[in-house]
PDB file of N, CA and C in Angstrom:
ATOM      1  N   UNK A   1      82.240 -61.012  -9.533  1.00  0.00           N
ATOM      2  CA  UNK A   1      82.436 -61.785  -8.332  1.00  0.00           C
ATOM      3  C   UNK A   1      81.185 -62.603  -8.012  1.00  0.00           C
ATOM      4  N   UNK A   2      80.032 -61.979  -8.107  1.00  0.00           N
ATOM      5  CA  UNK A   2      78.799 -62.699  -7.811  1.00  0.00           C
ATOM      6  C   UNK A   2      78.152 -63.254  -9.071  1.00  0.00           C
ATOM      7  N   UNK A   3      78.691 -62.907 -10.238  1.00  0.00           N
ATOM      8  CA  UNK A   3      78.110 -63.336 -11.496  1.00  0.00           C
ATOM      9  C   UNK A   3      78.040 -64.854 -11.624  1.00  0.00           C
ATOM     10  N   UNK A   4      79.037 -65.560 -11.101  1.00  0.00           N
ATOM     11  CA  UNK A   4      79.049 -67.026 -11.237  1.00  0.00           C
ATOM     12  C   UNK A   4      77.965 -67.697 -10.414  1.00  0.00           C
ATOM     13  N   UNK A   5      77.363 -66.975  -9.491  1.00  0.00           N
ATOM     14  CA  UNK A   5      76.297 -67.558  -8.663  1.00  0.00           C
ATOM     15  C   UNK A   5      74.930 -67.473  -9.324  1.00  0.00           C
ATOM     16  N   UNK A   6      74.807 -66.678 -10.371  1.00  0.00           N
ATOM     17  CA  UNK A   6      73.549 -66.505 -11.094  1.00  0.00           C
ATOM     18  C   UNK A   6      73.629 -67.286 -12.401  1.00  0.00           C
ATOM     19  N   UNK A   7      72.641 -68.149 -12.634  1.00  0.00           N
ATOM     20  CA  UNK A   7      72.659 -69.011 -13.813  1.00  0.00           C
ATOM     21  C   UNK A   7      72.175 -68.315 -15.077  1.00  0.00           C
ATOM     22  N   UNK A   8      71.152 -67.493 -14.968  1.00  0.00           N
ATOM     23  CA  UNK A   8      70.532 -66.899 -16.144  1.00  0.00           C
ATOM     24  C   UNK A   8      70.890 -65.428 -16.300  1.00  0.00           C
ATOM     25  N   UNK A   9      70.993 -65.023 -17.559  1.00  0.00           N
ATOM     26  CA  UNK A   9      71.144 -63.613 -17.857  1.00  0.00           C
ATOM     27  C   UNK A   9      69.801 -63.093 -18.360  1.00  0.00           C
ATOM     28  N   UNK A  10      69.692 -61.794 -18.472  1.00  0.00           N
ATOM     29  CA  UNK A  10      68.466 -61.209 -19.008  1.00  0.00           C
ATOM     30  C   UNK A  10      68.227 -61.741 -20.421  1.00  0.00           C
ATOM     31  N   UNK A  11      69.300 -61.860 -21.173  1.00  0.00           N
ATOM     32  CA  UNK A  11      69.199 -62.359 -22.551  1.00  0.00           C
ATOM     33  C   UNK A  11      68.670 -63.796 -22.568  1.00  0.00           C
ATOM     34  N   UNK A  12      69.149 -64.630 -21.632  1.00  0.00           N
ATOM     35  CA  UNK A  12      68.665 -66.020 -21.560  1.00  0.00           C
ATOM     36  C   UNK A  12      67.156 -66.057 -21.339  1.00  0.00           C
ATOM     37  N   UNK A  13      66.672 -65.203 -20.465  1.00  0.00           N
ATOM     38  CA  UNK A  13      65.241 -65.200 -20.141  1.00  0.00           C
ATOM     39  C   UNK A  13      64.436 -64.679 -21.341  1.00  0.00           C
ATOM     40  N   UNK A  14      64.915 -63.595 -21.956  1.00  0.00           N
ATOM     41  CA  UNK A  14      64.181 -63.014 -23.080  1.00  0.00           C
ATOM     42  C   UNK A  14      64.145 -63.938 -24.294  1.00  0.00           C
ATOM     43  N   UNK A  15      65.228 -64.655 -24.533  1.00  0.00           N
ATOM     44  CA  UNK A  15      65.330 -65.475 -25.735  1.00  0.00           C
ATOM     45  C   UNK A  15      64.897 -66.926 -25.533  1.00  0.00           C
ATOM     46  N   UNK A  16      64.422 -67.263 -24.351  1.00  0.00           N
ATOM     47  CA  UNK A  16      64.006 -68.638 -24.079  1.00  0.00           C
ATOM     48  C   UNK A  16      62.805 -68.991 -24.944  1.00  0.00           C
ATOM     49  N   UNK A  17      62.902 -70.104 -25.639  1.00  0.00           N
ATOM     50  CA  UNK A  17      61.796 -70.593 -26.453  1.00  0.00           C
ATOM     51  C   UNK A  17      61.445 -71.997 -25.982  1.00  0.00           C
ATOM     52  N   UNK A  18      60.163 -72.230 -25.798  1.00  0.00           N
ATOM     53  CA  UNK A  18      59.683 -73.527 -25.357  1.00  0.00           C
ATOM     54  C   UNK A  18      59.142 -74.292 -26.561  1.00  0.00           C
ATOM     55  N   UNK A  19      59.298 -75.602 -26.506  1.00  0.00           N
ATOM     56  CA  UNK A  19      58.733 -76.440 -27.567  1.00  0.00           C
ATOM     57  C   UNK A  19      57.231 -76.483 -27.403  1.00  0.00           C
ATOM     58  N   UNK A  20      56.539 -76.437 -28.523  1.00  0.00           N
ATOM     59  CA  UNK A  20      55.076 -76.441 -28.479  1.00  0.00           C
ATOM     60  C   UNK A  20      54.579 -77.874 -28.613  1.00  0.00           C
ATOM     61  N   UNK A  21      53.724 -78.247 -27.699  1.00  0.00           N
ATOM     62  CA  UNK A  21      53.102 -79.570 -27.682  1.00  0.00           C
ATOM     63  C   UNK A  21      51.738 -79.454 -28.362  1.00  0.00           C
ATOM     64  N   UNK A  22      51.011 -80.526 -28.429  1.00  0.00           N
ATOM     65  CA  UNK A  22      49.694 -80.488 -29.080  1.00  0.00           C
ATOM     66  C   UNK A  22      48.738 -79.541 -28.364  1.00  0.00           C
ATOM     67  N   UNK A  23      48.911 -79.359 -27.067  1.00  0.00           N
ATOM     68  CA  UNK A  23      48.024 -78.483 -26.306  1.00  0.00           C
ATOM     69  C   UNK A  23      48.729 -77.208 -25.857  1.00  0.00           C
ATOM     70  N   UNK A  24      49.817 -76.856 -26.452  1.00  0.00           N
ATOM     71  CA  UNK A  24      50.541 -75.649 -26.070  1.00  0.00           C
ATOM     72  C   UNK A  24      51.957 -75.985 -25.626  1.00  0.00           C
ATOM     73  N   UNK A  25      52.527 -75.150 -24.774  1.00  0.00           N
ATOM     74  CA  UNK A  25      53.889 -75.371 -24.286  1.00  0.00           C
ATOM     75  C   UNK A  25      53.917 -76.581 -23.362  1.00  0.00           C
ATOM     76  N   UNK A  26      55.052 -77.233 -23.347  1.00  0.00           N
ATOM     77  CA  UNK A  26      55.222 -78.381 -22.450  1.00  0.00           C
ATOM     78  C   UNK A  26      55.345 -77.884 -21.013  1.00  0.00           C
ATOM     79  N   UNK A  27      54.403 -78.254 -20.169  1.00  0.00           N
ATOM     80  CA  UNK A  27      54.394 -77.758 -18.795  1.00  0.00           C
ATOM     81  C   UNK A  27      55.673 -78.091 -18.021  1.00  0.00           C
ATOM     82  N   UNK A  28      56.237 -79.273 -18.232  1.00  0.00           N
ATOM     83  CA  UNK A  28      57.453 -79.663 -17.518  1.00  0.00           C
ATOM     84  C   UNK A  28      58.620 -78.748 -17.872  1.00  0.00           C
ATOM     85  N   UNK A  29      58.705 -78.399 -19.161  1.00  0.00           N
ATOM     86  CA  UNK A  29      59.793 -77.537 -19.618  1.00  0.00           C
ATOM     87  C   UNK A  29      59.640 -76.129 -19.023  1.00  0.00           C
ATOM     88  N   UNK A  30      58.427 -75.611 -19.027  1.00  0.00           N
ATOM     89  CA  UNK A  30      58.165 -74.290 -18.467  1.00  0.00           C
ATOM     90  C   UNK A  30      58.434 -74.302 -16.964  1.00  0.00           C
ATOM     91  N   UNK A  31      57.966 -75.341 -16.263  1.00  0.00           N
ATOM     92  CA  UNK A  31      58.182 -75.443 -14.819  1.00  0.00           C
ATOM     93  C   UNK A  31      59.677 -75.500 -14.486  1.00  0.00           C
ATOM     94  N   UNK A  32      60.426 -76.261 -15.277  1.00  0.00           N
ATOM     95  CA  UNK A  32      61.875 -76.369 -15.051  1.00  0.00           C
ATOM     96  C   UNK A  32      62.547 -75.000 -15.193  1.00  0.00           C
ATOM     97  N   UNK A  33      62.169 -74.270 -16.220  1.00  0.00           N
ATOM     98  CA  UNK A  33      62.750 -72.954 -16.459  1.00  0.00           C
ATOM     99  C   UNK A  33      62.371 -71.988 -15.335  1.00  0.00           C
ATOM    100  N   UNK A  34      61.130 -72.034 -14.915  1.00  0.00           N
ATOM    101  CA  UNK A  34      60.692 -71.172 -13.816  1.00  0.00           C
ATOM    102  C   UNK A  34      61.419 -71.514 -12.523  1.00  0.00           C
ATOM    103  N   UNK A  35      61.717 -72.801 -12.306  1.00  0.00           N
ATOM    104  CA  UNK A  35      62.489 -73.196 -11.123  1.00  0.00           C
ATOM    105  C   UNK A  35      63.881 -72.556 -11.130  1.00  0.00           C
ATOM    106  N   UNK A  36      64.495 -72.504 -12.312  1.00  0.00           N
ATOM    107  CA  UNK A  36      65.823 -71.874 -12.417  1.00  0.00           C
ATOM    108  C   UNK A  36      65.714 -70.380 -12.143  1.00  0.00           C
ATOM    109  N   UNK A  37      64.680 -69.736 -12.664  1.00  0.00           N
ATOM    110  CA  UNK A  37      64.476 -68.303 -12.415  1.00  0.00           C
ATOM    111  C   UNK A  37      64.269 -68.045 -10.924  1.00  0.00           C
ATOM    112  N   UNK A  38      63.460 -68.862 -10.278  1.00  0.00           N
ATOM    113  CA  UNK A  38      63.214 -68.707  -8.837  1.00  0.00           C
ATOM    114  C   UNK A  38      64.507 -68.872  -8.056  1.00  0.00           C
ATOM    115  N   UNK A  39      65.325 -69.866  -8.424  1.00  0.00           N
ATOM    116  CA  UNK A  39      66.597 -70.084  -7.743  1.00  0.00           C
ATOM    117  C   UNK A  39      67.495 -68.866  -7.897  1.00  0.00           C
ATOM    118  N   UNK A  40      67.528 -68.285  -9.107  1.00  0.00           N
ATOM    119  CA  UNK A  40      68.340 -67.094  -9.333  1.00  0.00           C
ATOM    120  C   UNK A  40      67.848 -65.911  -8.495  1.00  0.00           C
ATOM    121  N   UNK A  41      66.555 -65.730  -8.406  1.00  0.00           N
ATOM    122  CA  UNK A  41      66.014 -64.638  -7.591  1.00  0.00           C
ATOM    123  C   UNK A  41      66.376 -64.826  -6.126  1.00  0.00           C
ATOM    124  N   UNK A  42      66.290 -66.052  -5.642  1.00  0.00           N
ATOM    125  CA  UNK A  42      66.669 -66.332  -4.253  1.00  0.00           C
ATOM    126  C   UNK A  42      68.146 -66.038  -4.039  1.00  0.00           C
ATOM    127  N   UNK A  43      68.966 -66.397  -5.014  1.00  0.00           N
ATOM    128  CA  UNK A  43      70.403 -66.135  -4.920  1.00  0.00           C
ATOM    129  C   UNK A  43      70.680 -64.632  -4.938  1.00  0.00           C
ATOM    130  N   UNK A  44      69.965 -63.897  -5.767  1.00  0.00           N
ATOM    131  CA  UNK A  44      70.131 -62.435  -5.807  1.00  0.00           C
ATOM    132  C   UNK A  44      69.761 -61.817  -4.465  1.00  0.00           C
ATOM    133  N   UNK A  45      68.687 -62.275  -3.866  1.00  0.00           N
ATOM    134  CA  UNK A  45      68.284 -61.768  -2.553  1.00  0.00           C
ATOM    135  C   UNK A  45      69.378 -62.061  -1.530  1.00  0.00           C
ATOM    136  N   UNK A  46      69.943 -63.242  -1.603  1.00  0.00           N
ATOM    137  CA  UNK A  46      71.035 -63.618  -0.695  1.00  0.00           C
ATOM    138  C   UNK A  46      72.258 -62.709  -0.900  1.00  0.00           C
ATOM    139  N   UNK A  47      72.603 -62.449  -2.143  1.00  0.00           N
ATOM    140  CA  UNK A  47      73.741 -61.582  -2.463  1.00  0.00           C
ATOM    141  C   UNK A  47      73.500 -60.173  -1.931  1.00  0.00           C
ATOM    142  N   UNK A  48      72.300 -59.663  -2.133  1.00  0.00           N
ATOM    143  CA  UNK A  48      71.964 -58.316  -1.662  1.00  0.00           C
ATOM    144  C   UNK A  48      72.082 -58.232  -0.145  1.00  0.00           C
ATOM    145  N   UNK A  49      71.616 -59.271   0.564  1.00  0.00           N
ATOM    146  CA  UNK A  49      71.718 -59.280   2.025  1.00  0.00           C
ATOM    147  C   UNK A  49      73.177 -59.301   2.458  1.00  0.00           C
ATOM    148  N   UNK A  50      74.005 -60.106   1.783  1.00  0.00           N
ATOM    149  CA  UNK A  50      75.438 -60.161   2.105  1.00  0.00           C
ATOM    150  C   UNK A  50      76.089 -58.793   1.911  1.00  0.00           C
ATOM    151  N   UNK A  51      75.788 -58.159   0.787  1.00  0.00           N
ATOM    152  CA  UNK A  51      76.386 -56.856   0.495  1.00  0.00           C
ATOM    153  C   UNK A  51      75.912 -55.795   1.479  1.00  0.00           C
ATOM    154  N   UNK A  52      74.645 -55.848   1.863  1.00  0.00           N
ATOM    155  CA  UNK A  52      74.135 -54.898   2.864  1.00  0.00           C
ATOM    156  C   UNK A  52      74.840 -55.088   4.199  1.00  0.00           C
ATOM    157  N   UNK A  53      75.064 -56.339   4.567  1.00  0.00           N
ATOM    158  CA  UNK A  53      75.762 -56.627   5.820  1.00  0.00           C
ATOM    159  C   UNK A  53      77.203 -56.119   5.764  1.00  0.00           C
ATOM    160  N   UNK A  54      77.874 -56.378   4.647  1.00  0.00           N
ATOM    161  CA  UNK A  54      79.250 -55.878   4.466  1.00  0.00           C
ATOM    162  C   UNK A  54      79.284 -54.358   4.524  1.00  0.00           C
ATOM    163  N   UNK A  55      78.336 -53.737   3.870  1.00  0.00           N
ATOM    164  CA  UNK A  55      78.273 -52.277   3.853  1.00  0.00           C
ATOM    165  C   UNK A  55      78.079 -51.732   5.267  1.00  0.00           C
ATOM    166  N   UNK A  56      77.181 -52.329   6.017  1.00  0.00           N
ATOM    167  CA  UNK A  56      76.927 -51.878   7.387  1.00  0.00           C
ATOM    168  C   UNK A  56      78.190 -52.007   8.235  1.00  0.00           C
ATOM    169  N   UNK A  57      78.868 -53.124   8.103  1.00  0.00           N
ATOM    170  CA  UNK A  57      80.105 -53.349   8.859  1.00  0.00           C
ATOM    171  C   UNK A  57      81.174 -52.318   8.492  1.00  0.00           C
ATOM    172  N   UNK A  58      81.317 -52.039   7.208  1.00  0.00           N
ATOM    173  CA  UNK A  58      82.309 -51.061   6.764  1.00  0.00           C
ATOM    174  C   UNK A  58      81.966 -49.653   7.242  1.00  0.00           C
ATOM    175  N   UNK A  59      80.692 -49.310   7.222  1.00  0.00           N
ATOM    176  CA  UNK A  59      80.287 -47.993   7.708  1.00  0.00           C
ATOM    177  C   UNK A  59      80.571 -47.844   9.208  1.00  0.00           C
ATOM    178  N   UNK A  60      80.312 -48.906   9.963  1.00  0.00           N
ATOM    179  CA  UNK A  60      80.595 -48.873  11.400  1.00  0.00           C
ATOM    180  C   UNK A  60      82.090 -48.716  11.650  1.00  0.00           C
ATOM    181  N   UNK A  61      82.908 -49.472  10.898  1.00  0.00           N
ATOM    182  CA  UNK A  61      84.352 -49.354  11.039  1.00  0.00           C
ATOM    183  C   UNK A  61      84.823 -47.942  10.689  1.00  0.00           C
ATOM    184  N   UNK A  62      84.265 -47.400   9.627  1.00  0.00           N
ATOM    185  CA  UNK A  62      84.630 -46.062   9.194  1.00  0.00           C
ATOM    186  C   UNK A  62      84.300 -45.034  10.275  1.00  0.00           C
ATOM    187  N   UNK A  63      83.116 -45.121  10.843  1.00  0.00           N
ATOM    188  CA  UNK A  63      82.724 -44.185  11.900  1.00  0.00           C
ATOM    189  C   UNK A  63      83.635 -44.314  13.124  1.00  0.00           C
ATOM    190  N   UNK A  64      83.952 -45.538  13.492  1.00  0.00           N
ATOM    191  CA  UNK A  64      84.830 -45.766  14.648  1.00  0.00           C
ATOM    192  C   UNK A  64      86.210 -45.157  14.391  1.00  0.00           C
ATOM    193  N   UNK A  65      86.737 -45.363  13.195  1.00  0.00           N
ATOM    194  CA  UNK A  65      88.058 -44.827  12.873  1.00  0.00           C
ATOM    195  C   UNK A  65      88.048 -43.298  12.813  1.00  0.00           C
ATOM    196  N   UNK A  66      86.964 -42.731  12.283  1.00  0.00           N
ATOM    197  CA  UNK A  66      86.862 -41.263  12.250  1.00  0.00           C
ATOM    198  C   UNK A  66      86.804 -40.695  13.665  1.00  0.00           C
ATOM    199  N   UNK A  67      86.087 -41.370  14.548  1.00  0.00           N
ATOM    200  CA  UNK A  67      86.027 -40.913  15.944  1.00  0.00           C
ATOM    201  C   UNK A  67      87.409 -40.992  16.588  1.00  0.00           C
ATOM    202  N   UNK A  68      88.121 -42.058  16.285  1.00  0.00           N
ATOM    203  CA  UNK A  68      89.465 -42.198  16.854  1.00  0.00           C
ATOM    204  C   UNK A  68      90.388 -41.104  16.319  1.00  0.00           C
ATOM    205  N   UNK A  69      90.259 -40.758  15.055  1.00  0.00           N
ATOM    206  CA  UNK A  69      91.067 -39.667  14.485  1.00  0.00           C
ATOM    207  C   UNK A  69      90.747 -38.357  15.190  1.00  0.00           C
ATOM    208  N   UNK A  70      89.446 -38.076  15.397  1.00  0.00           N
ATOM    209  CA  UNK A  70      89.064 -36.834  16.096  1.00  0.00           C
ATOM    210  C   UNK A  70      89.665 -36.815  17.497  1.00  0.00           C
ATOM    211  N   UNK A  71      89.594 -37.949  18.189  1.00  0.00           N
ATOM    212  CA  UNK A  71      90.131 -38.031  19.533  1.00  0.00           C
ATOM    213  C   UNK A  71      91.650 -37.788  19.534  1.00  0.00           C
ATOM    214  N   UNK A  72      92.346 -38.398  18.567  1.00  0.00           N
ATOM    215  CA  UNK A  72      93.795 -38.224  18.490  1.00  0.00           C
ATOM    216  C   UNK A  72      94.170 -36.791  18.115  1.00  0.00           C
ATOM    217  N   UNK A  73      93.382 -36.183  17.241  1.00  0.00           N
ATOM    218  CA  UNK A  73      93.668 -34.784  16.896  1.00  0.00           C
ATOM    219  C   UNK A  73      93.482 -33.881  18.104  1.00  0.00           C
ATOM    220  N   UNK A  74      92.465 -34.168  18.895  1.00  0.00           N
ATOM    221  CA  UNK A  74      92.241 -33.395  20.116  1.00  0.00           C
ATOM    222  C   UNK A  74      93.419 -33.571  21.062  1.00  0.00           C
ATOM    223  N   UNK A  75      93.852 -34.824  21.225  1.00  0.00           N
ATOM    224  CA  UNK A  75      95.012 -35.080  22.088  1.00  0.00           C
ATOM    225  C   UNK A  75      96.246 -34.367  21.558  1.00  0.00           C
ATOM    226  N   UNK A  76      96.394 -34.389  20.238  1.00  0.00           N
ATOM    227  CA  UNK A  76      97.546 -33.740  19.632  1.00  0.00           C
ATOM    228  C   UNK A  76      97.518 -32.236  19.900  1.00  0.00           C
ATOM    229  N   UNK A  77      96.346 -31.635  19.777  1.00  0.00           N
ATOM    230  CA  UNK A  77      96.228 -30.201  20.062  1.00  0.00           C
ATOM    231  C   UNK A  77      96.569 -29.904  21.519  1.00  0.00           C
ATOM    232  N   UNK A  78      96.104 -30.768  22.416  1.00  0.00           N
ATOM    233  CA  UNK A  78      96.410 -30.576  23.837  1.00  0.00           C
ATOM    234  C   UNK A  78      97.904 -30.698  24.074  1.00  0.00           C
ATOM    235  N   UNK A  79      98.524 -31.691  23.439  1.00  0.00           N
ATOM    236  CA  UNK A  79      99.971 -31.892  23.612  1.00  0.00           C
ATOM    237  C   UNK A  79     100.742 -30.696  23.054  1.00  0.00           C
ATOM    238  N   UNK A  80     100.311 -30.209  21.899  1.00  0.00           N
ATOM    239  CA  UNK A  80     100.998 -29.049  21.316  1.00  0.00           C
ATOM    240  C   UNK A  80     100.881 -27.831  22.216  1.00  0.00           C
ATOM    241  N   UNK A  81      99.698 -27.636  22.760  1.00  0.00           N
ATOM    242  CA  UNK A  81      99.469 -26.472  23.622  1.00  0.00           C
ATOM    243  C   UNK A  81     100.210 -26.581  24.955  1.00  0.00           C
ATOM    244  N   UNK A  82     100.317 -27.787  25.483  1.00  0.00           N
ATOM    245  CA  UNK A  82     100.940 -27.935  26.800  1.00  0.00           C
ATOM    246  C   UNK A  82     102.461 -28.030  26.726  1.00  0.00           C
ATOM    247  N   UNK A  83     102.982 -28.318  25.534  1.00  0.00           N
ATOM    248  CA  UNK A  83     104.432 -28.376  25.385  1.00  0.00           C
ATOM    249  C   UNK A  83     105.063 -29.573  26.079  1.00  0.00           C
ATOM    250  N   UNK A  84     104.380 -30.716  26.120  1.00  0.00           N
ATOM    251  CA  UNK A  84     104.949 -31.910  26.749  1.00  0.00           C
ATOM    252  C   UNK A  84     106.012 -32.513  25.862  1.00  0.00           C
ATOM    253  N   UNK A  85     106.501 -33.659  26.243  1.00  0.00           N
ATOM    254  CA  UNK A  85     107.664 -34.274  25.591  1.00  0.00           C
ATOM    255  C   UNK A  85     107.401 -34.575  24.113  1.00  0.00           C
ATOM    256  N   UNK A  86     108.484 -34.537  23.345  1.00  0.00           N
ATOM    257  CA  UNK A  86     108.404 -34.811  21.912  1.00  0.00           C
ATOM    258  C   UNK A  86     108.061 -36.263  21.630  1.00  0.00           C
ATOM    259  N   UNK A  87     108.403 -37.161  22.534  1.00  0.00           N
ATOM    260  CA  UNK A  87     108.132 -38.595  22.325  1.00  0.00           C
ATOM    261  C   UNK A  87     106.630 -38.845  22.262  1.00  0.00           C
ATOM    262  N   UNK A  88     105.848 -38.264  23.172  1.00  0.00           N
ATOM    263  CA  UNK A  88     104.403 -38.496  23.146  1.00  0.00           C
ATOM    264  C   UNK A  88     103.758 -37.799  21.952  1.00  0.00           C
ATOM    265  N   UNK A  89     104.276 -36.662  21.554  1.00  0.00           N
ATOM    266  CA  UNK A  89     103.750 -35.957  20.388  1.00  0.00           C
ATOM    267  C   UNK A  89     103.988 -36.765  19.122  1.00  0.00           C
ATOM    268  N   UNK A  90     105.173 -37.284  18.994  1.00  0.00           N
ATOM    269  CA  UNK A  90     105.476 -38.057  17.784  1.00  0.00           C
ATOM    270  C   UNK A  90     104.670 -39.351  17.752  1.00  0.00           C
ATOM    271  N   UNK A  91     104.410 -39.923  18.931  1.00  0.00           N
ATOM    272  CA  UNK A  91     103.580 -41.127  18.996  1.00  0.00           C
ATOM    273  C   UNK A  91     102.157 -40.832  18.533  1.00  0.00           C
ATOM    274  N   UNK A  92     101.610 -39.748  18.983  1.00  0.00           N
ATOM    275  CA  UNK A  92     100.250 -39.356  18.579  1.00  0.00           C
ATOM    276  C   UNK A  92     100.224 -39.062  17.082  1.00  0.00           C
ATOM    277  N   UNK A  93     101.225 -38.355  16.579  1.00  0.00           N
ATOM    278  CA  UNK A  93     101.280 -38.055  15.147  1.00  0.00           C
ATOM    279  C   UNK A  93     101.386 -39.325  14.312  1.00  0.00           C
ATOM    280  N   UNK A  94     102.204 -40.260  14.786  1.00  0.00           N
ATOM    281  CA  UNK A  94     102.369 -41.527  14.067  1.00  0.00           C
ATOM    282  C   UNK A  94     101.050 -42.298  14.024  1.00  0.00           C
ATOM    283  N   UNK A  95     100.359 -42.358  15.164  1.00  0.00           N
ATOM    284  CA  UNK A  95      99.077 -43.062  15.224  1.00  0.00           C
ATOM    285  C   UNK A  95      98.038 -42.380  14.337  1.00  0.00           C
ATOM    286  N   UNK A  96      98.025 -41.069  14.363  1.00  0.00           N
ATOM    287  CA  UNK A  96      97.097 -40.309  13.533  1.00  0.00           C
ATOM    288  C   UNK A  96      97.373 -40.557  12.055  1.00  0.00           C
ATOM    289  N   UNK A  97      98.624 -40.563  11.690  1.00  0.00           N
ATOM    290  CA  UNK A  97      99.004 -40.819  10.301  1.00  0.00           C
ATOM    291  C   UNK A  97      98.573 -42.218   9.867  1.00  0.00           C
ATOM    292  N   UNK A  98      98.774 -43.203  10.734  1.00  0.00           N
ATOM    293  CA  UNK A  98      98.360 -44.577  10.409  1.00  0.00           C
ATOM    294  C   UNK A  98      96.858 -44.684  10.230  1.00  0.00           C
ATOM    295  N   UNK A  99      96.101 -44.023  11.077  1.00  0.00           N
ATOM    296  CA  UNK A  99      94.641 -44.051  10.951  1.00  0.00           C
ATOM    297  C   UNK A  99      94.177 -43.385   9.661  1.00  0.00           C
ATOM    298  N   UNK A 100      94.795 -42.266   9.316  1.00  0.00           N
ATOM    299  CA  UNK A 100      94.421 -41.600   8.074  1.00  0.00           C
ATOM    300  C   UNK A 100      94.730 -42.473   6.872  1.00  0.00           C
ATOM    301  N   UNK A 101      95.827 -43.200   6.914  1.00  0.00           N
ATOM    302  CA  UNK A 101      96.156 -44.118   5.817  1.00  0.00           C
ATOM    303  C   UNK A 101      95.104 -45.209   5.703  1.00  0.00           C
ATOM    304  N   UNK A 102      94.639 -45.707   6.848  1.00  0.00           N
ATOM    305  CA  UNK A 102      93.611 -46.756   6.833  1.00  0.00           C
ATOM    306  C   UNK A 102      92.320 -46.222   6.234  1.00  0.00           C
ATOM    307  N   UNK A 103      91.908 -45.038   6.639  1.00  0.00           N
ATOM    308  CA  UNK A 103      90.629 -44.489   6.178  1.00  0.00           C
ATOM    309  C   UNK A 103      90.704 -43.981   4.738  1.00  0.00           C
ATOM    310  N   UNK A 104      91.710 -43.213   4.438  1.00  0.00           N
ATOM    311  CA  UNK A 104      91.778 -42.565   3.129  1.00  0.00           C
ATOM    312  C   UNK A 104      92.609 -43.328   2.134  1.00  0.00           C
ATOM    313  N   UNK A 105      93.269 -44.398   2.546  1.00  0.00           N
ATOM    314  CA  UNK A 105      94.092 -45.185   1.653  1.00  0.00           C
ATOM    315  C   UNK A 105      95.478 -44.603   1.515  1.00  0.00           C
ATOM    316  N   UNK A 106      96.400 -45.445   1.077  1.00  0.00           N
ATOM    317  CA  UNK A 106      97.777 -45.001   0.870  1.00  0.00           C
ATOM    318  C   UNK A 106      97.853 -44.209  -0.405  1.00  0.00           C
ATOM    319  N   UNK A 107      98.466 -43.063  -0.350  1.00  0.00           N
ATOM    320  CA  UNK A 107      98.608 -42.215  -1.542  1.00  0.00           C
ATOM    321  C   UNK A 107     100.041 -42.180  -2.001  1.00  0.00           C
TER     322      UNK A 107
END
């Protein structure tokens, strides 16, 4: 998914050969290659930040959903103990089931 955003592979960097000029490597060629490497590193940093942000958001959602499940289970226990109407019990069970599907996935 993120591979298309990175221009160079490890193999590209390791196997890069520069043309030798009378005084050594051509500075323009080396500078151009280093510019591409710098761009890739900046892109990698950007990708890592995006993934960290996504991870944080997913963890927060997960915690919120787990708290809601605990709350619904508590309500369900109270409803079972008090013997109230079957309609409210089935509603709580249905909501609990839907939340578990969201968190644990459909099996």
